[in-house]
Amino acid sequence: MTGGPSRRAALAALAAAATAACSSGPDAGSGSSTGSPGSSSSGTSPAPAPSSSTAGPEPSPAVPAVPAVPAAAPYALLPGEVEPACKQAALDAASAALTVDAAAPAADATPLEPLRALVPTGASTALEVVYPQYGGLDGPRRTASVMLVADLLVAGATTGAVAGAAAAAPERRSTTVDLRLTSEGGRWSVTEVLVPVLPAAVPVDQLPEPTRQLLATDRVELPGAARADLLAGAVHPAVVSTLLELSQTWRLHVQVLTSGHPVNVFATDRVSNHTRGRAVDLWALDGVPVVEQDRSPWREVVEAATALGASEVGGPQDLGGRGQFTDQVHQDHLHLGFGRA
């Protein structure tokens, strides 16, 4: 039969071509190379990038740190304090209310809830006392006002710290409060807490020049509430000028101007000159508390303030000058007022 071998030859050629095509892939023959990692042999496709589905677990969200209670410097009442049990009761109550551990349940603060309102949510706090001065003490020593100036140490309120991070230094917030106390059976207890609402500041360039000088000097130490009174323009020029003049000779430590002082002269219905912005209380002079009467230069300051025109000059003793007076309340500070309350 003619044509048979030719047809078989053609079919054989086609089969050989198909076999050659199948054997030319990357796994065939010696032309493929597995090589070592990083090999760049031709004919080898690069390893595919790892799929995102094979990556490690997502990191956990940062856990906020629970701030530790700040370490506050201890405070001890000074020798010579009048009715020290009263002041100690005020200090104990304020410290208990304002020493807060953010990790612990809040304790009952009644009637000290106004103090607890000073503690930011989630913060740990402690109280560092500057000075507890009398705002009033009645004759029988059964009721009292203790004006406490202190720094509230605040940890964790605004730092944004996370667990494991280094702790930031606590923030200091100057605080002035009026603690009212009563004595029953010789035991003092806090019955009311008055936290002043500080006045709004005016633009500094609208303040009188002497007020700006008083705010700027380092010769007069001002707690936050007193500074706010000055920034609001709420302090009489006679008070400002007297403080500036006295500060040329002595370093003055202000306890209160207006905010934080009882509205009325204690246990009376007379409006205090503090309320009118016409008085200042000084608890220390040249770093020495007035209550340390043998060391403090309070006598010289009393005489100088009288010469400068103060019409109310209260202190540990009545030195006989115009407007000078003394009582059991003014054993721990000097009161300088201008114009009778």
Protein backbone atom coordinates (compact mmCIF):
# COMPACT_ATOMS: atom_id res chain seq x y z
CA MET A 1 0.00 0.00 0.00
CA THR A 2 1.45 3.26 -0.99
CA GLY A 3 1.71 6.25 1.49
CA GLY A 4 1.62 4.13 4.72
CA PRO A 5 5.20 4.71 5.89
CA SER A 6 5.00 8.42 5.15
CA ARG A 7 1.93 8.81 7.27
CA ARG A 8 3.45 6.88 10.12
CA ALA A 9 6.60 9.05 9.87
CA ALA A 10 4.58 12.21 10.07
CA LEU A 11 2.71 11.01 13.15
CA ALA A 12 5.96 10.03 14.80
CA ALA A 13 7.40 13.48 14.11
CA LEU A 14 4.37 15.14 15.68
CA ALA A 15 4.65 12.97 18.80
CA ALA A 16 8.31 13.85 19.21
CA ALA A 17 7.58 17.56 18.92
CA ALA A 18 4.89 17.34 21.61
CA THR A 19 7.22 15.47 23.94
CA ALA A 20 9.92 18.11 23.48
CA ALA A 21 7.49 20.90 24.31
CA CYS A 22 6.37 19.25 27.57
CA SER A 23 9.94 18.70 28.73
CA SER A 24 11.02 22.36 28.34
CA GLY A 25 9.43 23.58 31.69
CA PRO A 26 11.45 24.86 34.65
CA ASP A 27 11.70 21.47 36.33
CA ALA A 28 13.08 19.69 33.30
CA GLY A 29 16.69 18.91 32.53
CA SER A 30 19.85 20.39 33.93
CA GLY A 31 18.87 23.94 32.92
CA SER A 32 16.86 24.38 36.15
CA SER A 33 18.66 25.38 39.34
CA THR A 34 17.38 25.37 42.90
CA GLY A 35 20.54 27.21 44.07
CA SER A 36 21.00 28.75 47.47
CA PRO A 37 18.95 31.59 48.95
CA GLY A 38 19.70 34.74 47.03
CA SER A 39 20.83 32.82 43.90
CA SER A 40 20.24 34.77 40.69
CA SER A 41 20.62 31.90 38.20
CA SER A 42 18.80 32.63 34.97
CA GLY A 43 15.66 30.69 34.40
CA THR A 44 14.69 30.79 38.09
CA SER A 45 11.65 32.82 39.16
CA PRO A 46 12.09 34.95 42.33
CA ALA A 47 10.44 33.65 45.48
CA PRO A 48 7.01 35.23 46.00
CA ALA A 49 6.65 37.86 48.77
CA PRO A 50 5.15 36.52 51.99
CA SER A 51 1.41 36.87 52.06
CA SER A 52 0.02 39.32 54.61
CA SER A 53 -2.06 36.48 55.91
CA THR A 54 1.09 34.82 57.21
CA ALA A 55 2.32 37.88 59.25
CA GLY A 56 2.49 37.76 63.06
CA PRO A 57 -0.43 38.82 65.28
CA GLU A 58 -1.35 42.52 65.48
CA PRO A 59 0.17 44.26 68.53
CA SER A 60 -2.20 44.74 71.45
CA PRO A 61 -3.46 48.28 72.13
CA ALA A 62 -1.37 50.23 74.65
CA VAL A 63 -2.66 49.73 78.17
CA PRO A 64 -2.85 52.98 80.16
CA ALA A 65 -0.65 52.94 83.23
CA VAL A 66 -2.32 53.16 86.62
CA PRO A 67 -0.51 56.12 88.18
CA ALA A 68 1.04 55.65 91.58
CA VAL A 69 0.19 58.04 94.39
CA PRO A 70 2.76 60.88 94.26
CA ALA A 71 5.18 61.25 97.14
CA ALA A 72 4.36 64.45 99.05
CA ALA A 73 6.69 66.10 101.52
CA PRO A 74 5.36 65.60 105.07
CA TYR A 75 4.12 68.58 107.06
CA ALA A 76 4.32 69.09 110.81
CA LEU A 77 2.63 71.87 112.72
CA LEU A 78 4.98 74.53 114.01
CA PRO A 79 5.59 75.29 117.68
CA GLY A 80 3.48 78.16 118.95
CA GLU A 81 0.34 77.35 116.97
CA VAL A 82 -2.91 78.35 118.69
CA GLU A 83 -5.27 75.40 119.24
CA PRO A 84 -3.07 72.99 117.27
CA ALA A 85 -5.67 70.22 117.48
CA CYS A 86 -7.94 72.32 115.26
CA LYS A 87 -5.33 72.79 112.56
CA GLN A 88 -4.31 69.14 112.75
CA ALA A 89 -7.91 68.05 112.22
CA ALA A 90 -8.12 70.27 109.15
CA LEU A 91 -4.87 68.87 107.75
CA ASP A 92 -5.88 65.27 108.42
CA ALA A 93 -9.24 65.69 106.72
CA ALA A 94 -7.85 67.48 103.66
CA SER A 95 -5.02 64.97 103.27
CA ALA A 96 -7.41 62.03 103.54
CA ALA A 97 -9.73 63.50 100.90
CA LEU A 98 -6.98 64.46 98.46
CA THR A 99 -4.68 61.45 98.79
CA VAL A 100 -6.23 59.34 96.06
CA ASP A 101 -5.03 56.05 94.59
CA ALA A 102 -6.51 55.66 91.10
CA ALA A 103 -6.31 51.87 91.46
CA ALA A 104 -8.37 51.75 94.66
CA PRO A 105 -12.09 52.35 95.23
CA ALA A 106 -12.94 55.90 96.23
CA ALA A 107 -13.59 56.30 99.94
CA ASP A 108 -16.55 58.20 101.34
CA ALA A 109 -15.57 61.88 101.37
CA THR A 110 -18.64 63.46 102.97
CA PRO A 111 -18.53 66.38 103.90
CA LEU A 112 -15.29 66.77 101.95
CA GLU A 113 -16.81 66.16 98.53
CA PRO A 114 -15.83 69.66 97.28
CA LEU A 115 -12.20 68.60 97.80
CA ARG A 116 -12.69 65.36 95.87
CA ALA A 117 -14.02 67.43 92.98
CA LEU A 118 -10.49 68.81 92.61
CA VAL A 119 -9.16 65.34 91.68
CA PRO A 120 -9.14 64.67 87.91
CA THR A 121 -10.74 61.44 86.70
CA GLY A 122 -8.24 58.58 86.57
CA ALA A 123 -5.55 60.45 88.48
CA SER A 124 -3.70 59.61 91.65
CA THR A 125 -3.10 62.60 93.91
CA ALA A 126 -1.44 63.68 97.13
CA LEU A 127 -1.45 66.89 99.16
CA GLU A 128 1.69 68.87 99.93
CA VAL A 129 0.93 71.54 102.53
CA VAL A 130 2.32 75.07 102.29
CA TYR A 131 0.60 76.51 105.36
CA PRO A 132 -2.69 76.21 107.29
CA GLN A 133 -3.61 79.72 108.48
CA TYR A 134 -6.55 80.69 110.62
CA GLY A 135 -9.31 82.60 108.88
CA GLY A 136 -11.22 82.72 112.15
CA LEU A 137 -11.45 81.21 115.63
CA ASP A 138 -14.19 82.14 118.03
CA GLY A 139 -13.48 83.09 121.65
CA PRO A 140 -14.57 79.79 123.24
CA ARG A 141 -12.66 77.90 120.51
CA ARG A 142 -15.66 75.93 119.32
CA THR A 143 -15.78 77.04 115.67
CA ALA A 144 -12.98 77.89 113.29
CA SER A 145 -11.94 78.62 109.74
CA VAL A 146 -8.63 77.23 108.53
CA MET A 147 -7.46 78.59 105.18
CA LEU A 148 -5.24 75.91 103.73
CA VAL A 149 -2.75 76.69 100.98
CA ALA A 150 -1.23 73.57 99.48
CA ASP A 151 -0.01 71.99 96.26
CA LEU A 152 -2.13 69.17 94.88
CA LEU A 153 0.28 66.69 93.27
CA VAL A 154 -1.45 65.09 90.29
CA ALA A 155 -0.16 61.97 88.54
CA GLY A 156 -1.71 60.41 85.46
CA ALA A 157 -4.28 63.04 84.52
CA THR A 158 -2.65 64.45 81.39
CA THR A 159 0.55 62.47 80.86
CA GLY A 160 -0.98 59.71 78.70
CA ALA A 161 1.46 57.24 80.24
CA VAL A 162 1.19 53.56 79.32
CA ALA A 163 2.05 50.49 81.34
CA GLY A 164 5.79 49.89 81.47
CA ALA A 165 6.70 53.47 80.57
CA ALA A 166 8.75 55.64 82.88
CA ALA A 167 6.56 57.64 85.26
CA ALA A 168 6.33 61.37 84.56
CA ALA A 169 6.82 63.88 87.33
CA PRO A 170 3.51 64.81 88.97
CA GLU A 171 1.87 68.10 88.09
CA ARG A 172 1.63 70.68 90.87
CA ARG A 173 -1.64 72.56 91.22
CA SER A 174 -1.73 75.38 93.77
CA THR A 175 -4.85 75.05 95.89
CA THR A 176 -6.50 77.33 98.45
CA VAL A 177 -9.52 76.11 100.44
CA ASP A 178 -11.44 77.30 103.49
CA LEU A 179 -12.13 74.48 105.93
CA ARG A 180 -14.78 75.11 108.58
CA LEU A 181 -14.51 73.14 111.81
CA THR A 182 -16.42 72.66 115.02
CA SER A 183 -15.32 71.24 118.35
CA GLU A 184 -17.46 68.89 120.41
CA GLY A 185 -16.08 67.44 123.60
CA GLY A 186 -12.66 68.78 122.75
CA ARG A 187 -12.56 67.00 119.41
CA TRP A 188 -12.38 69.03 116.19
CA SER A 189 -13.96 67.92 112.93
CA VAL A 190 -14.46 69.46 109.50
CA THR A 191 -18.12 70.34 108.86
CA GLU A 192 -17.84 72.31 105.61
CA VAL A 193 -15.39 72.95 102.79
CA LEU A 194 -15.45 76.13 100.73
CA VAL A 195 -13.50 76.01 97.46
CA PRO A 196 -13.24 79.47 95.90
CA VAL A 197 -14.34 80.14 92.35
CA LEU A 198 -11.41 82.06 90.94
CA PRO A 199 -12.13 85.28 89.03
CA ALA A 200 -11.59 85.52 85.29
CA ALA A 201 -8.38 87.14 84.15
CA VAL A 202 -8.29 90.33 82.11
CA PRO A 203 -5.72 90.92 79.35
CA VAL A 204 -2.39 91.55 81.01
CA ASP A 205 -1.84 94.76 79.06
CA GLN A 206 -4.99 96.15 80.72
CA LEU A 207 -3.60 95.69 84.22
CA PRO A 208 -1.96 98.63 86.00
CA GLU A 209 1.82 98.63 85.80
CA PRO A 210 2.27 98.07 89.59
CA THR A 211 0.09 94.94 89.39
CA ARG A 212 2.19 93.60 86.54
CA GLN A 213 5.32 94.30 88.58
CA LEU A 214 3.92 92.44 91.55
CA LEU A 215 3.06 89.45 89.38
CA ALA A 216 6.58 89.41 87.97
CA THR A 217 8.69 89.88 91.09
CA ASP A 218 10.31 86.93 92.83
CA ARG A 219 10.29 88.85 96.12
CA VAL A 220 6.62 88.08 96.76
CA GLU A 221 5.46 84.46 96.78
CA LEU A 222 1.87 84.18 95.56
CA PRO A 223 -0.30 81.06 95.74
CA GLY A 224 -2.44 80.34 92.70
CA ALA A 225 -5.61 81.92 94.13
CA ALA A 226 -3.82 85.19 94.99
CA ARG A 227 -2.23 85.29 91.55
CA ALA A 228 -5.68 84.84 90.00
CA ASP A 229 -6.99 87.80 92.04
CA LEU A 230 -4.21 90.00 90.68
CA LEU A 231 -4.69 88.79 87.10
CA ALA A 232 -8.37 89.68 87.40
CA GLY A 233 -7.57 93.21 88.55
CA ALA A 234 -9.46 92.49 91.78
CA VAL A 235 -6.85 93.86 94.22
CA HIS A 236 -6.87 97.49 95.38
CA PRO A 237 -3.87 99.62 94.30
CA ALA A 238 -3.02 100.38 97.96
CA VAL A 239 -2.48 96.66 98.64
CA VAL A 240 -0.35 96.25 95.52
CA SER A 241 1.84 99.29 96.21
CA THR A 242 2.35 98.29 99.87
CA LEU A 243 3.46 94.79 98.93
CA LEU A 244 5.88 96.15 96.34
CA GLU A 245 7.34 98.60 98.84
CA LEU A 246 7.69 96.04 101.64
CA SER A 247 9.27 93.54 99.23
CA GLN A 248 12.20 95.91 98.74
CA THR A 249 13.30 94.96 102.26
CA TRP A 250 11.69 91.60 103.04
CA ARG A 251 10.70 88.54 101.06
CA LEU A 252 6.93 88.22 101.52
CA HIS A 253 4.91 85.00 101.57
CA VAL A 254 1.25 85.71 100.79
CA GLN A 255 -1.43 83.39 102.18
CA VAL A 256 -4.52 85.06 100.73
CA LEU A 257 -5.70 88.22 99.04
CA THR A 258 -9.40 87.79 98.18
CA SER A 259 -10.18 84.27 96.91
CA GLY A 260 -10.27 81.69 99.68
CA HIS A 261 -10.83 84.07 102.59
CA PRO A 262 -14.15 84.08 104.51
CA VAL A 263 -16.53 86.63 102.96
CA ASN A 264 -17.32 88.15 106.35
CA VAL A 265 -15.07 88.81 109.28
CA PHE A 266 -15.34 85.46 111.03
CA ALA A 267 -18.39 85.07 113.32
CA THR A 268 -19.71 88.54 112.37
CA ASP A 269 -21.96 90.02 109.69
CA ARG A 270 -19.28 92.55 108.59
CA VAL A 271 -17.89 92.13 105.10
CA SER A 272 -14.14 91.56 105.23
CA ASN A 273 -11.78 93.93 103.49
CA HIS A 274 -10.35 90.81 101.84
CA THR A 275 -13.66 90.40 100.03
CA ARG A 276 -13.34 93.96 98.75
CA GLY A 277 -9.79 93.36 97.52
CA ARG A 278 -8.43 95.74 100.16
CA ALA A 279 -6.41 93.39 102.38
CA VAL A 280 -3.63 90.80 102.32
CA ASP A 281 -2.48 88.15 104.80
CA LEU A 282 1.22 87.26 105.09
CA TRP A 283 2.08 83.95 106.73
CA ALA A 284 5.88 84.21 106.49
CA LEU A 285 8.58 86.87 106.12
CA ASP A 286 12.03 86.13 104.72
CA GLY A 287 11.08 82.46 104.84
CA VAL A 288 10.31 82.51 108.56
CA PRO A 289 6.68 81.84 109.58
CA VAL A 290 5.07 84.64 111.57
CA VAL A 291 4.03 82.09 114.20
CA GLU A 292 7.75 81.68 115.02
CA GLN A 293 7.52 85.08 116.65
CA ASP A 294 11.01 85.22 118.14
CA ARG A 295 12.65 84.64 114.75
CA SER A 296 10.29 86.41 112.37
CA PRO A 297 10.79 90.12 111.54
CA TRP A 298 7.04 90.69 111.97
CA ARG A 299 7.49 93.74 114.26
CA GLU A 300 9.50 95.63 111.65
CA VAL A 301 6.98 94.78 108.94
CA VAL A 302 4.05 95.91 111.13
CA GLU A 303 5.69 99.29 111.71
CA ALA A 304 6.59 99.68 108.04
CA ALA A 305 3.06 98.78 106.88
CA THR A 306 1.58 101.31 109.31
CA ALA A 307 3.89 103.99 107.94
CA LEU A 308 2.78 103.10 104.40
CA GLY A 309 -0.85 103.82 105.26
CA ALA A 310 -2.38 100.49 106.26
CA SER A 311 -5.40 101.18 108.49
CA GLU A 312 -5.74 97.57 109.74
CA VAL A 313 -2.53 95.94 110.91
CA GLY A 314 -3.13 92.71 112.80
CA GLY A 315 -0.33 90.60 114.23
CA PRO A 316 0.94 88.63 117.22
CA GLN A 317 1.02 91.77 119.41
CA ASP A 318 -0.49 95.24 119.39
CA LEU A 319 2.53 97.53 119.17
CA GLY A 320 0.41 100.59 119.85
CA GLY A 321 0.46 102.16 116.40
CA ARG A 322 -2.50 103.49 114.45
CA GLY A 323 -4.81 100.68 113.35
CA GLN A 324 -2.73 97.97 115.00
CA PHE A 325 -4.48 95.13 116.83
CA THR A 326 -4.02 91.55 117.98
CA ASP A 327 -6.12 88.53 118.94
CA GLN A 328 -5.81 84.75 118.95
CA VAL A 329 -6.45 84.52 115.20
CA HIS A 330 -3.53 86.78 114.26
CA GLN A 331 -0.84 84.83 116.06
CA ASP A 332 0.03 83.01 112.83
CA HIS A 333 -0.01 85.83 110.25
CA LEU A 334 0.01 89.56 109.56
CA HIS A 335 -3.17 91.17 108.26
CA LEU A 336 -2.72 94.40 106.31
CA GLY A 337 -5.97 96.16 105.38
CA PHE A 338 -6.86 99.51 103.83
CA GLY A 339 -10.17 101.11 104.82
CA ARG A 340 -12.30 99.75 107.65
CA ALA A 341 -14.47 96.73 106.91
